Amino acid sequence: MGLGINLRFDLKPLTDAQLAELLELSWKRHEEAKGYTGSYKLLYSSRGPIRHSKAYPFFSILRYGTPLGWSLGLALSCSMESLISAQARAVMQMHLALSDIADAMDEIRRRGPRRKII
């Protein structure tokens, strides 16, 4: 689960089936965006200190390789670039999908192992 302030209260009331569906949709979003990245490559994705989907574009750390070299910094700078670059927008969508996947996995871990009924 890591360090950070978890504000993803929307995941708690979901059933296991709904959580699995969210996880599947997030992976589909990631794979779809991956097809549009072109020469941009997502090398590192971190959710940042605040765990909420609206905070990720501002506080996340994102590193990606571009034709011009390496870039590292707050995802906000990358999201600003995505206003003019479709490839950067696709990388940002991959990052946001990975953040949602990590949140769903945290919720699964929080629920803990299920007991076997004999």
PDB file of N, CA and C in Angstrom:
ATOM      1  N   MET A   1       0.814  -1.190   0.000  1.00  0.00           N
ATOM      2  CA  MET A   1       0.000   0.000   0.000  1.00  0.00           C
ATOM      3  C   MET A   1       0.857   1.252   0.000  1.00  0.00           C
ATOM      4  N   GLY A   2       1.985   1.218   0.650  1.00  0.00           N
ATOM      5  CA  GLY A   2       2.920   2.324   0.569  1.00  0.00           C
ATOM      6  C   GLY A   2       2.496   3.548   1.362  1.00  0.00           C
ATOM      7  N   LEU A   3       3.337   4.553   1.259  1.00  0.00           N
ATOM      8  CA  LEU A   3       3.070   5.806   1.942  1.00  0.00           C
ATOM      9  C   LEU A   3       2.160   6.667   1.100  1.00  0.00           C
ATOM     10  N   GLY A   4       1.460   7.532   1.761  1.00  0.00           N
ATOM     11  CA  GLY A   4       0.571   8.444   1.043  1.00  0.00           C
ATOM     12  C   GLY A   4      -0.768   8.550   1.752  1.00  0.00           C
ATOM     13  N   ILE A   5      -1.460   9.603   1.437  1.00  0.00           N
ATOM     14  CA  ILE A   5      -2.789   9.836   1.998  1.00  0.00           C
ATOM     15  C   ILE A   5      -3.802   9.234   1.038  1.00  0.00           C
ATOM     16  N   ASN A   6      -4.503   8.203   1.498  1.00  0.00           N
ATOM     17  CA  ASN A   6      -5.457   7.504   0.633  1.00  0.00           C
ATOM     18  C   ASN A   6      -6.824   8.180   0.706  1.00  0.00           C
ATOM     19  N   LEU A   7      -7.238   8.768  -0.394  1.00  0.00           N
ATOM     20  CA  LEU A   7      -8.552   9.414  -0.485  1.00  0.00           C
ATOM     21  C   LEU A   7      -9.473   8.666  -1.446  1.00  0.00           C
ATOM     22  N   ARG A   8      -9.147   7.426  -1.772  1.00  0.00           N
ATOM     23  CA  ARG A   8      -9.956   6.633  -2.697  1.00  0.00           C
ATOM     24  C   ARG A   8     -11.056   5.892  -1.935  1.00  0.00           C
ATOM     25  N   PHE A   9     -11.948   6.636  -1.309  1.00  0.00           N
ATOM     26  CA  PHE A   9     -13.059   6.051  -0.558  1.00  0.00           C
ATOM     27  C   PHE A   9     -14.102   5.431  -1.477  1.00  0.00           C
ATOM     28  N   ASP A  10     -14.046   5.759  -2.766  1.00  0.00           N
ATOM     29  CA  ASP A  10     -15.014   5.224  -3.718  1.00  0.00           C
ATOM     30  C   ASP A  10     -14.805   3.732  -3.993  1.00  0.00           C
ATOM     31  N   LEU A  11     -13.653   3.193  -3.643  1.00  0.00           N
ATOM     32  CA  LEU A  11     -13.380   1.776  -3.889  1.00  0.00           C
ATOM     33  C   LEU A  11     -13.910   0.868  -2.779  1.00  0.00           C
ATOM     34  N   LYS A  12     -14.048   1.410  -1.596  1.00  0.00           N
ATOM     35  CA  LYS A  12     -14.452   0.601  -0.440  1.00  0.00           C
ATOM     36  C   LYS A  12     -15.829  -0.056  -0.604  1.00  0.00           C
ATOM     37  N   PRO A  13     -16.850   0.643  -1.090  1.00  0.00           N
ATOM     38  CA  PRO A  13     -18.171   0.002  -1.194  1.00  0.00           C
ATOM     39  C   PRO A  13     -18.322  -0.961  -2.379  1.00  0.00           C
ATOM     40  N   LEU A  14     -17.319  -1.031  -3.266  1.00  0.00           N
ATOM     41  CA  LEU A  14     -17.424  -1.912  -4.421  1.00  0.00           C
ATOM     42  C   LEU A  14     -17.363  -3.377  -4.005  1.00  0.00           C
ATOM     43  N   THR A  15     -18.125  -4.198  -4.706  1.00  0.00           N
ATOM     44  CA  THR A  15     -18.037  -5.643  -4.475  1.00  0.00           C
ATOM     45  C   THR A  15     -16.757  -6.149  -5.134  1.00  0.00           C
ATOM     46  N   ASP A  16     -16.403  -7.396  -4.829  1.00  0.00           N
ATOM     47  CA  ASP A  16     -15.213  -7.981  -5.438  1.00  0.00           C
ATOM     48  C   ASP A  16     -15.350  -8.042  -6.956  1.00  0.00           C
ATOM     49  N   ALA A  17     -16.541  -8.351  -7.443  1.00  0.00           N
ATOM     50  CA  ALA A  17     -16.771  -8.426  -8.891  1.00  0.00           C
ATOM     51  C   ALA A  17     -16.617  -7.044  -9.535  1.00  0.00           C
ATOM     52  N   GLN A  18     -17.126  -6.009  -8.891  1.00  0.00           N
ATOM     53  CA  GLN A  18     -16.997  -4.654  -9.422  1.00  0.00           C
ATOM     54  C   GLN A  18     -15.538  -4.200  -9.410  1.00  0.00           C
ATOM     55  N   LEU A  19     -14.822  -4.582  -8.374  1.00  0.00           N
ATOM     56  CA  LEU A  19     -13.403  -4.239  -8.282  1.00  0.00           C
ATOM     57  C   LEU A  19     -12.610  -4.942  -9.391  1.00  0.00           C
ATOM     58  N   ALA A  20     -12.947  -6.199  -9.655  1.00  0.00           N
ATOM     59  CA  ALA A  20     -12.300  -6.944 -10.742  1.00  0.00           C
ATOM     60  C   ALA A  20     -12.615  -6.310 -12.092  1.00  0.00           C
ATOM     61  N   GLU A  21     -13.841  -5.842 -12.257  1.00  0.00           N
ATOM     62  CA  GLU A  21     -14.237  -5.179 -13.505  1.00  0.00           C
ATOM     63  C   GLU A  21     -13.471  -3.864 -13.687  1.00  0.00           C
ATOM     64  N   LEU A  22     -13.324  -3.106 -12.604  1.00  0.00           N
ATOM     65  CA  LEU A  22     -12.550  -1.858 -12.651  1.00  0.00           C
ATOM     66  C   LEU A  22     -11.106  -2.141 -13.038  1.00  0.00           C
ATOM     67  N   LEU A  23     -10.541  -3.194 -12.469  1.00  0.00           N
ATOM     68  CA  LEU A  23      -9.172  -3.581 -12.781  1.00  0.00           C
ATOM     69  C   LEU A  23      -9.027  -3.950 -14.258  1.00  0.00           C
ATOM     70  N   GLU A  24      -9.975  -4.709 -14.771  1.00  0.00           N
ATOM     71  CA  GLU A  24      -9.948  -5.112 -16.172  1.00  0.00           C
ATOM     72  C   GLU A  24     -10.082  -3.905 -17.101  1.00  0.00           C
ATOM     73  N   LEU A  25     -11.003  -2.991 -16.781  1.00  0.00           N
ATOM     74  CA  LEU A  25     -11.173  -1.788 -17.603  1.00  0.00           C
ATOM     75  C   LEU A  25      -9.927  -0.908 -17.583  1.00  0.00           C
ATOM     76  N   SER A  26      -9.272  -0.822 -16.437  1.00  0.00           N
ATOM     77  CA  SER A  26      -8.051  -0.023 -16.332  1.00  0.00           C
ATOM     78  C   SER A  26      -6.940  -0.612 -17.189  1.00  0.00           C
ATOM     79  N   TRP A  27      -6.809  -1.940 -17.180  1.00  0.00           N
ATOM     80  CA  TRP A  27      -5.799  -2.575 -18.035  1.00  0.00           C
ATOM     81  C   TRP A  27      -6.117  -2.352 -19.511  1.00  0.00           C
ATOM     82  N   LYS A  28      -7.396  -2.399 -19.874  1.00  0.00           N
ATOM     83  CA  LYS A  28      -7.778  -2.143 -21.263  1.00  0.00           C
ATOM     84  C   LYS A  28      -7.429  -0.707 -21.670  1.00  0.00           C
ATOM     85  N   ARG A  29      -7.699   0.250 -20.761  1.00  0.00           N
ATOM     86  CA  ARG A  29      -7.338   1.655 -21.025  1.00  0.00           C
ATOM     87  C   ARG A  29      -5.835   1.794 -21.232  1.00  0.00           C
ATOM     88  N   HIS A  30      -5.067   1.106 -20.395  1.00  0.00           N
ATOM     89  CA  HIS A  30      -3.609   1.151 -20.486  1.00  0.00           C
ATOM     90  C   HIS A  30      -3.137   0.612 -21.835  1.00  0.00           C
ATOM     91  N   GLU A  31      -3.641  -0.544 -22.218  1.00  0.00           N
ATOM     92  CA  GLU A  31      -3.229  -1.168 -23.488  1.00  0.00           C
ATOM     93  C   GLU A  31      -3.653  -0.329 -24.693  1.00  0.00           C
ATOM     94  N   GLU A  32      -4.838   0.264 -24.618  1.00  0.00           N
ATOM     95  CA  GLU A  32      -5.309   1.114 -25.705  1.00  0.00           C
ATOM     96  C   GLU A  32      -4.411   2.339 -25.864  1.00  0.00           C
ATOM     97  N   ALA A  33      -4.077   2.968 -24.752  1.00  0.00           N
ATOM     98  CA  ALA A  33      -3.218   4.156 -24.802  1.00  0.00           C
ATOM     99  C   ALA A  33      -1.813   3.790 -25.282  1.00  0.00           C
ATOM    100  N   LYS A  34      -1.356   2.609 -24.910  1.00  0.00           N
ATOM    101  CA  LYS A  34      -0.016   2.165 -25.301  1.00  0.00           C
ATOM    102  C   LYS A  34       0.147   2.129 -26.820  1.00  0.00           C
ATOM    103  N   GLY A  35      -0.937   1.857 -27.524  1.00  0.00           N
ATOM    104  CA  GLY A  35      -0.886   1.820 -28.976  1.00  0.00           C
ATOM    105  C   GLY A  35      -0.679   3.178 -29.623  1.00  0.00           C
ATOM    106  N   TYR A  36      -0.901   4.257 -28.891  1.00  0.00           N
ATOM    107  CA  TYR A  36      -0.790   5.606 -29.444  1.00  0.00           C
ATOM    108  C   TYR A  36       0.469   6.357 -29.007  1.00  0.00           C
ATOM    109  N   THR A  37       1.334   5.706 -28.242  1.00  0.00           N
ATOM    110  CA  THR A  37       2.488   6.426 -27.696  1.00  0.00           C
ATOM    111  C   THR A  37       3.578   6.699 -28.715  1.00  0.00           C
ATOM    112  N   GLY A  38       3.607   5.934 -29.778  1.00  0.00           N
ATOM    113  CA  GLY A  38       4.635   6.160 -30.796  1.00  0.00           C
ATOM    114  C   GLY A  38       6.018   5.984 -30.226  1.00  0.00           C
ATOM    115  N   SER A  39       6.865   7.000 -30.375  1.00  0.00           N
ATOM    116  CA  SER A  39       8.238   6.909 -29.894  1.00  0.00           C
ATOM    117  C   SER A  39       8.366   7.245 -28.400  1.00  0.00           C
ATOM    118  N   TYR A  40       7.298   7.699 -27.765  1.00  0.00           N
ATOM    119  CA  TYR A  40       7.322   7.963 -26.323  1.00  0.00           C
ATOM    120  C   TYR A  40       7.192   6.636 -25.590  1.00  0.00           C
ATOM    121  N   LYS A  41       7.947   6.469 -24.517  1.00  0.00           N
ATOM    122  CA  LYS A  41       7.876   5.252 -23.712  1.00  0.00           C
ATOM    123  C   LYS A  41       7.733   5.640 -22.235  1.00  0.00           C
ATOM    124  N   LEU A  42       6.785   5.036 -21.570  1.00  0.00           N
ATOM    125  CA  LEU A  42       6.613   5.252 -20.131  1.00  0.00           C
ATOM    126  C   LEU A  42       7.623   4.385 -19.411  1.00  0.00           C
ATOM    127  N   LEU A  43       8.543   4.998 -18.687  1.00  0.00           N
ATOM    128  CA  LEU A  43       9.607   4.266 -18.013  1.00  0.00           C
ATOM    129  C   LEU A  43       9.354   4.138 -16.516  1.00  0.00           C
ATOM    130  N   TYR A  44       8.660   5.095 -15.932  1.00  0.00           N
ATOM    131  CA  TYR A  44       8.427   5.084 -14.488  1.00  0.00           C
ATOM    132  C   TYR A  44       7.138   5.838 -14.202  1.00  0.00           C
ATOM    133  N   SER A  45       6.340   5.284 -13.299  1.00  0.00           N
ATOM    134  CA  SER A  45       5.075   5.904 -12.943  1.00  0.00           C
ATOM    135  C   SER A  45       4.866   5.757 -11.441  1.00  0.00           C
ATOM    136  N   SER A  46       4.655   6.856 -10.754  1.00  0.00           N
ATOM    137  CA  SER A  46       4.419   6.837  -9.314  1.00  0.00           C
ATOM    138  C   SER A  46       3.217   7.725  -9.010  1.00  0.00           C
ATOM    139  N   ARG A  47       2.367   7.257  -8.105  1.00  0.00           N
ATOM    140  CA  ARG A  47       1.128   7.978  -7.818  1.00  0.00           C
ATOM    141  C   ARG A  47       1.313   9.252  -7.026  1.00  0.00           C
ATOM    142  N   GLY A  48       2.411   9.422  -6.363  1.00  0.00           N
ATOM    143  CA  GLY A  48       2.624  10.624  -5.571  1.00  0.00           C
ATOM    144  C   GLY A  48       2.060  10.486  -4.166  1.00  0.00           C
ATOM    145  N   PRO A  49       2.072  11.558  -3.386  1.00  0.00           N
ATOM    146  CA  PRO A  49       1.703  11.477  -1.969  1.00  0.00           C
ATOM    147  C   PRO A  49       0.201  11.426  -1.694  1.00  0.00           C
ATOM    148  N   ILE A  50      -0.614  11.821  -2.645  1.00  0.00           N
ATOM    149  CA  ILE A  50      -2.066  11.850  -2.419  1.00  0.00           C
ATOM    150  C   ILE A  50      -2.720  10.857  -3.357  1.00  0.00           C
ATOM    151  N   ARG A  51      -3.446   9.885  -2.775  1.00  0.00           N
ATOM    152  CA  ARG A  51      -4.073   8.833  -3.562  1.00  0.00           C
ATOM    153  C   ARG A  51      -5.504   9.223  -3.917  1.00  0.00           C
ATOM    154  N   HIS A  52      -5.658   9.853  -5.057  1.00  0.00           N
ATOM    155  CA  HIS A  52      -6.978  10.187  -5.587  1.00  0.00           C
ATOM    156  C   HIS A  52      -6.829  10.468  -7.069  1.00  0.00           C
ATOM    157  N   SER A  53      -7.789  10.021  -7.856  1.00  0.00           N
ATOM    158  CA  SER A  53      -7.674  10.152  -9.307  1.00  0.00           C
ATOM    159  C   SER A  53      -7.579  11.602  -9.773  1.00  0.00           C
ATOM    160  N   LYS A  54      -8.160  12.525  -9.042  1.00  0.00           N
ATOM    161  CA  LYS A  54      -8.085  13.931  -9.438  1.00  0.00           C
ATOM    162  C   LYS A  54      -6.743  14.569  -9.056  1.00  0.00           C
ATOM    163  N   ALA A  55      -6.032  13.963  -8.106  1.00  0.00           N
ATOM    164  CA  ALA A  55      -4.737  14.497  -7.683  1.00  0.00           C
ATOM    165  C   ALA A  55      -3.583  13.964  -8.523  1.00  0.00           C
ATOM    166  N   TYR A  56      -3.762  12.834  -9.170  1.00  0.00           N
ATOM    167  CA  TYR A  56      -2.657  12.214  -9.913  1.00  0.00           C
ATOM    168  C   TYR A  56      -2.041  13.107 -10.986  1.00  0.00           C
ATOM    169  N   PRO A  57      -2.827  13.835 -11.785  1.00  0.00           N
ATOM    170  CA  PRO A  57      -2.180  14.678 -12.800  1.00  0.00           C
ATOM    171  C   PRO A  57      -1.306  15.784 -12.208  1.00  0.00           C
ATOM    172  N   PHE A  58      -1.498  16.120 -10.953  1.00  0.00           N
ATOM    173  CA  PHE A  58      -0.743  17.210 -10.344  1.00  0.00           C
ATOM    174  C   PHE A  58       0.457  16.739  -9.537  1.00  0.00           C
ATOM    175  N   PHE A  59       0.285  15.682  -8.734  1.00  0.00           N
ATOM    176  CA  PHE A  59       1.311  15.305  -7.771  1.00  0.00           C
ATOM    177  C   PHE A  59       2.092  14.052  -8.125  1.00  0.00           C
ATOM    178  N   SER A  60       1.713  13.353  -9.162  1.00  0.00           N
ATOM    179  CA  SER A  60       2.410  12.129  -9.529  1.00  0.00           C
ATOM    180  C   SER A  60       3.778  12.440 -10.112  1.00  0.00           C
ATOM    181  N   ILE A  61       4.628  11.436 -10.054  1.00  0.00           N
ATOM    182  CA  ILE A  61       5.942  11.535 -10.693  1.00  0.00           C
ATOM    183  C   ILE A  61       5.895  10.637 -11.919  1.00  0.00           C
ATOM    184  N   LEU A  62       6.374  11.151 -13.019  1.00  0.00           N
ATOM    185  CA  LEU A  62       6.301  10.442 -14.284  1.00  0.00           C
ATOM    186  C   LEU A  62       7.628  10.610 -15.013  1.00  0.00           C
ATOM    187  N   ARG A  63       8.147   9.499 -15.527  1.00  0.00           N
ATOM    188  CA  ARG A  63       9.365   9.594 -16.328  1.00  0.00           C
ATOM    189  C   ARG A  63       9.104   8.855 -17.632  1.00  0.00           C
ATOM    190  N   TYR A  64       9.480   9.456 -18.703  1.00  0.00           N
ATOM    191  CA  TYR A  64       9.271   8.807 -19.985  1.00  0.00           C
ATOM    192  C   TYR A  64      10.402   9.175 -20.932  1.00  0.00           C
ATOM    193  N   GLY A  65      10.630   8.291 -21.868  1.00  0.00           N
ATOM    194  CA  GLY A  65      11.645   8.548 -22.878  1.00  0.00           C
ATOM    195  C   GLY A  65      10.987   9.150 -24.103  1.00  0.00           C
ATOM    196  N   THR A  66      11.581  10.170 -24.634  1.00  0.00           N
ATOM    197  CA  THR A  66      11.060  10.816 -25.837  1.00  0.00           C
ATOM    198  C   THR A  66      12.156  10.776 -26.905  1.00  0.00           C
ATOM    199  N   PRO A  67      11.811  11.133 -28.110  1.00  0.00           N
ATOM    200  CA  PRO A  67      12.848  11.187 -29.142  1.00  0.00           C
ATOM    201  C   PRO A  67      13.981  12.149 -28.777  1.00  0.00           C
ATOM    202  N   LEU A  68      13.688  13.116 -27.923  1.00  0.00           N
ATOM    203  CA  LEU A  68      14.694  14.118 -27.556  1.00  0.00           C
ATOM    204  C   LEU A  68      15.454  13.758 -26.289  1.00  0.00           C
ATOM    205  N   GLY A  69      15.118  12.660 -25.632  1.00  0.00           N
ATOM    206  CA  GLY A  69      15.850  12.281 -24.431  1.00  0.00           C
ATOM    207  C   GLY A  69      14.931  11.949 -23.274  1.00  0.00           C
ATOM    208  N   TRP A  70      15.437  12.148 -22.078  1.00  0.00           N
ATOM    209  CA  TRP A  70      14.719  11.782 -20.858  1.00  0.00           C
ATOM    210  C   TRP A  70      13.996  12.975 -20.271  1.00  0.00           C
ATOM    211  N   SER A  71      12.910  12.697 -19.599  1.00  0.00           N
ATOM    212  CA  SER A  71      12.174  13.751 -18.901  1.00  0.00           C
ATOM    213  C   SER A  71      11.736  13.191 -17.552  1.00  0.00           C
ATOM    214  N   LEU A  72      11.882  13.951 -16.516  1.00  0.00           N
ATOM    215  CA  LEU A  72      11.488  13.509 -15.179  1.00  0.00           C
ATOM    216  C   LEU A  72      10.860  14.696 -14.470  1.00  0.00           C
ATOM    217  N   GLY A  73       9.756  14.470 -13.799  1.00  0.00           N
ATOM    218  CA  GLY A  73       9.174  15.566 -13.052  1.00  0.00           C
ATOM    219  C   GLY A  73       7.738  15.297 -12.685  1.00  0.00           C
ATOM    220  N   LEU A  74       7.113  16.293 -12.136  1.00  0.00           N
ATOM    221  CA  LEU A  74       5.713  16.167 -11.781  1.00  0.00           C
ATOM    222  C   LEU A  74       4.902  15.893 -13.038  1.00  0.00           C
ATOM    223  N   ALA A  75       3.903  15.076 -12.893  1.00  0.00           N
ATOM    224  CA  ALA A  75       3.077  14.719 -14.041  1.00  0.00           C
ATOM    225  C   ALA A  75       2.363  15.941 -14.608  1.00  0.00           C
ATOM    226  N   LEU A  76       2.221  16.985 -13.822  1.00  0.00           N
ATOM    227  CA  LEU A  76       1.578  18.201 -14.317  1.00  0.00           C
ATOM    228  C   LEU A  76       2.314  18.737 -15.539  1.00  0.00           C
ATOM    229  N   SER A  77       3.645  18.732 -15.485  1.00  0.00           N
ATOM    230  CA  SER A  77       4.389  19.232 -16.639  1.00  0.00           C
ATOM    231  C   SER A  77       4.134  18.359 -17.859  1.00  0.00           C
ATOM    232  N   CYS A  78       3.985  17.052 -17.643  1.00  0.00           N
ATOM    233  CA  CYS A  78       3.698  16.149 -18.761  1.00  0.00           C
ATOM    234  C   CYS A  78       2.267  16.330 -19.242  1.00  0.00           C
ATOM    235  N   SER A  79       1.349  16.602 -18.323  1.00  0.00           N
ATOM    236  CA  SER A  79      -0.033  16.796 -18.747  1.00  0.00           C
ATOM    237  C   SER A  79      -0.182  18.108 -19.509  1.00  0.00           C
ATOM    238  N   MET A  80       0.640  19.101 -19.188  1.00  0.00           N
ATOM    239  CA  MET A  80       0.630  20.348 -19.958  1.00  0.00           C
ATOM    240  C   MET A  80       1.110  20.079 -21.376  1.00  0.00           C
ATOM    241  N   GLU A  81       2.151  19.249 -21.497  1.00  0.00           N
ATOM    242  CA  GLU A  81       2.658  18.898 -22.821  1.00  0.00           C
ATOM    243  C   GLU A  81       1.610  18.128 -23.611  1.00  0.00           C
ATOM    244  N   SER A  82       0.792  17.345 -22.903  1.00  0.00           N
ATOM    245  CA  SER A  82      -0.211  16.536 -23.590  1.00  0.00           C
ATOM    246  C   SER A  82      -1.320  17.377 -24.227  1.00  0.00           C
ATOM    247  N   LEU A  83      -1.370  18.665 -23.908  1.00  0.00           N
ATOM    248  CA  LEU A  83      -2.333  19.546 -24.570  1.00  0.00           C
ATOM    249  C   LEU A  83      -2.008  19.703 -26.049  1.00  0.00           C
ATOM    250  N   ILE A  84      -0.708  19.587 -26.388  1.00  0.00           N
ATOM    251  CA  ILE A  84      -0.332  19.766 -27.788  1.00  0.00           C
ATOM    252  C   ILE A  84       0.168  18.487 -28.447  1.00  0.00           C
ATOM    253  N   SER A  85       0.507  17.474 -27.665  1.00  0.00           N
ATOM    254  CA  SER A  85       1.076  16.254 -28.230  1.00  0.00           C
ATOM    255  C   SER A  85       0.176  15.054 -27.938  1.00  0.00           C
ATOM    256  N   ALA A  86      -0.290  14.393 -28.978  1.00  0.00           N
ATOM    257  CA  ALA A  86      -1.129  13.202 -28.806  1.00  0.00           C
ATOM    258  C   ALA A  86      -0.340  12.065 -28.166  1.00  0.00           C
ATOM    259  N   GLN A  87       0.952  11.970 -28.465  1.00  0.00           N
ATOM    260  CA  GLN A  87       1.777  10.926 -27.874  1.00  0.00           C
ATOM    261  C   GLN A  87       1.954  11.144 -26.375  1.00  0.00           C
ATOM    262  N   ALA A  88       2.193  12.369 -25.976  1.00  0.00           N
ATOM    263  CA  ALA A  88       2.322  12.670 -24.547  1.00  0.00           C
ATOM    264  C   ALA A  88       0.991  12.435 -23.838  1.00  0.00           C
ATOM    265  N   ARG A  89      -0.103  12.725 -24.512  1.00  0.00           N
ATOM    266  CA  ARG A  89      -1.434  12.474 -23.946  1.00  0.00           C
ATOM    267  C   ARG A  89      -1.634  10.974 -23.719  1.00  0.00           C
ATOM    268  N   ALA A  90      -1.180  10.152 -24.652  1.00  0.00           N
ATOM    269  CA  ALA A  90      -1.299   8.702 -24.510  1.00  0.00           C
ATOM    270  C   ALA A  90      -0.453   8.194 -23.343  1.00  0.00           C
ATOM    271  N   VAL A  91       0.749   8.760 -23.184  1.00  0.00           N
ATOM    272  CA  VAL A  91       1.603   8.372 -22.049  1.00  0.00           C
ATOM    273  C   VAL A  91       0.927   8.759 -20.739  1.00  0.00           C
ATOM    274  N   MET A  92       0.328   9.931 -20.689  1.00  0.00           N
ATOM    275  CA  MET A  92      -0.382  10.364 -19.479  1.00  0.00           C
ATOM    276  C   MET A  92      -1.555   9.432 -19.190  1.00  0.00           C
ATOM    277  N   GLN A  93      -2.286   9.002 -20.211  1.00  0.00           N
ATOM    278  CA  GLN A  93      -3.399   8.071 -20.018  1.00  0.00           C
ATOM    279  C   GLN A  93      -2.901   6.726 -19.494  1.00  0.00           C
ATOM    280  N   MET A  94      -1.743   6.272 -19.984  1.00  0.00           N
ATOM    281  CA  MET A  94      -1.145   5.041 -19.458  1.00  0.00           C
ATOM    282  C   MET A  94      -0.827   5.196 -17.973  1.00  0.00           C
ATOM    283  N   HIS A  95      -0.245   6.334 -17.634  1.00  0.00           N
ATOM    284  CA  HIS A  95       0.115   6.613 -16.239  1.00  0.00           C
ATOM    285  C   HIS A  95      -1.130   6.640 -15.347  1.00  0.00           C
ATOM    286  N   LEU A  96      -2.182   7.305 -15.795  1.00  0.00           N
ATOM    287  CA  LEU A  96      -3.408   7.378 -14.997  1.00  0.00           C
ATOM    288  C   LEU A  96      -4.059   6.008 -14.850  1.00  0.00           C
ATOM    289  N   ALA A  97      -4.006   5.191 -15.901  1.00  0.00           N
ATOM    290  CA  ALA A  97      -4.543   3.828 -15.816  1.00  0.00           C
ATOM    291  C   ALA A  97      -3.736   2.998 -14.815  1.00  0.00           C
ATOM    292  N   LEU A  98      -2.405   3.141 -14.840  1.00  0.00           N
ATOM    293  CA  LEU A  98      -1.569   2.413 -13.879  1.00  0.00           C
ATOM    294  C   LEU A  98      -1.844   2.861 -12.444  1.00  0.00           C
ATOM    295  N   SER A  99      -2.146   4.133 -12.263  1.00  0.00           N
ATOM    296  CA  SER A  99      -2.489   4.637 -10.931  1.00  0.00           C
ATOM    297  C   SER A  99      -3.798   4.017 -10.446  1.00  0.00           C
ATOM    298  N   ASP A 100      -4.793   3.909 -11.335  1.00  0.00           N
ATOM    299  CA  ASP A 100      -6.053   3.261 -10.974  1.00  0.00           C
ATOM    300  C   ASP A 100      -5.849   1.787 -10.664  1.00  0.00           C
ATOM    301  N   ILE A 101      -4.981   1.130 -11.413  1.00  0.00           N
ATOM    302  CA  ILE A 101      -4.680  -0.280 -11.167  1.00  0.00           C
ATOM    303  C   ILE A 101      -4.041  -0.444  -9.795  1.00  0.00           C
ATOM    304  N   ALA A 102      -3.088   0.428  -9.467  1.00  0.00           N
ATOM    305  CA  ALA A 102      -2.434   0.363  -8.157  1.00  0.00           C
ATOM    306  C   ALA A 102      -3.440   0.607  -7.032  1.00  0.00           C
ATOM    307  N   ASP A 103      -4.371   1.530  -7.226  1.00  0.00           N
ATOM    308  CA  ASP A 103      -5.402   1.783  -6.215  1.00  0.00           C
ATOM    309  C   ASP A 103      -6.282   0.554  -6.012  1.00  0.00           C
ATOM    310  N   ALA A 104      -6.686  -0.080  -7.108  1.00  0.00           N
ATOM    311  CA  ALA A 104      -7.523  -1.281  -7.008  1.00  0.00           C
ATOM    312  C   ALA A 104      -6.764  -2.411  -6.314  1.00  0.00           C
ATOM    313  N   MET A 105      -5.485  -2.561  -6.622  1.00  0.00           N
ATOM    314  CA  MET A 105      -4.680  -3.595  -5.976  1.00  0.00           C
ATOM    315  C   MET A 105      -4.508  -3.304  -4.491  1.00  0.00           C
ATOM    316  N   ASP A 106      -4.352  -2.035  -4.135  1.00  0.00           N
ATOM    317  CA  ASP A 106      -4.290  -1.664  -2.710  1.00  0.00           C
ATOM    318  C   ASP A 106      -5.570  -2.053  -1.989  1.00  0.00           C
ATOM    319  N   GLU A 107      -6.706  -1.820  -2.632  1.00  0.00           N
ATOM    320  CA  GLU A 107      -7.995  -2.169  -2.024  1.00  0.00           C
ATOM    321  C   GLU A 107      -8.120  -3.684  -1.862  1.00  0.00           C
ATOM    322  N   ILE A 108      -7.652  -4.433  -2.841  1.00  0.00           N
ATOM    323  CA  ILE A 108      -7.691  -5.897  -2.745  1.00  0.00           C
ATOM    324  C   ILE A 108      -6.818  -6.363  -1.584  1.00  0.00           C
ATOM    325  N   ARG A 109      -5.626  -5.793  -1.454  1.00  0.00           N
ATOM    326  CA  ARG A 109      -4.741  -6.146  -0.329  1.00  0.00           C
ATOM    327  C   ARG A 109      -5.352  -5.733   1.005  1.00  0.00           C
ATOM    328  N   ARG A 110      -6.020  -4.586   1.030  1.00  0.00           N
ATOM    329  CA  ARG A 110      -6.630  -4.110   2.277  1.00  0.00           C
ATOM    330  C   ARG A 110      -7.709  -5.078   2.754  1.00  0.00           C
ATOM    331  N   ARG A 111      -8.449  -5.628   1.816  1.00  0.00           N
ATOM    332  CA  ARG A 111      -9.512  -6.568   2.194  1.00  0.00           C
ATOM    333  C   ARG A 111      -8.963  -7.862   2.753  1.00  0.00           C
ATOM    334  N   GLY A 112      -7.725  -8.163   2.425  1.00  0.00           N
ATOM    335  CA  GLY A 112      -7.058  -9.337   2.982  1.00  0.00           C
ATOM    336  C   GLY A 112      -7.516 -10.637   2.393  1.00  0.00           C
ATOM    337  N   PRO A 113      -6.854 -11.703   2.811  1.00  0.00           N
ATOM    338  CA  PRO A 113      -7.208 -13.013   2.274  1.00  0.00           C
ATOM    339  C   PRO A 113      -8.568 -13.468   2.785  1.00  0.00           C
ATOM    340  N   ARG A 114      -9.269 -14.150   1.930  1.00  0.00           N
ATOM    341  CA  ARG A 114     -10.578 -14.694   2.301  1.00  0.00           C
ATOM    342  C   ARG A 114     -10.391 -16.046   2.955  1.00  0.00           C
ATOM    343  N   ARG A 115     -11.234 -16.341   3.919  1.00  0.00           N
ATOM    344  CA  ARG A 115     -11.180 -17.654   4.567  1.00  0.00           C
ATOM    345  C   ARG A 115     -11.815 -18.698   3.686  1.00  0.00           C
ATOM    346  N   LYS A 116     -11.226 -19.889   3.711  1.00  0.00           N
ATOM    347  CA  LYS A 116     -11.814 -21.000   2.977  1.00  0.00           C
ATOM    348  C   LYS A 116     -12.913 -21.627   3.819  1.00  0.00           C
ATOM    349  N   ILE A 117     -14.030 -21.913   3.181  1.00  0.00           N
ATOM    350  CA  ILE A 117     -15.143 -22.576   3.869  1.00  0.00           C
ATOM    351  C   ILE A 117     -15.036 -24.054   3.549  1.00  0.00           C
ATOM    352  N   ILE A 118     -14.923 -24.840   4.579  1.00  0.00           N
ATOM    353  CA  ILE A 118     -14.776 -26.287   4.369  1.00  0.00           C
ATOM    354  C   ILE A 118     -16.100 -26.981   4.460  1.00  0.00           C
TER     355      ILE A 118
END
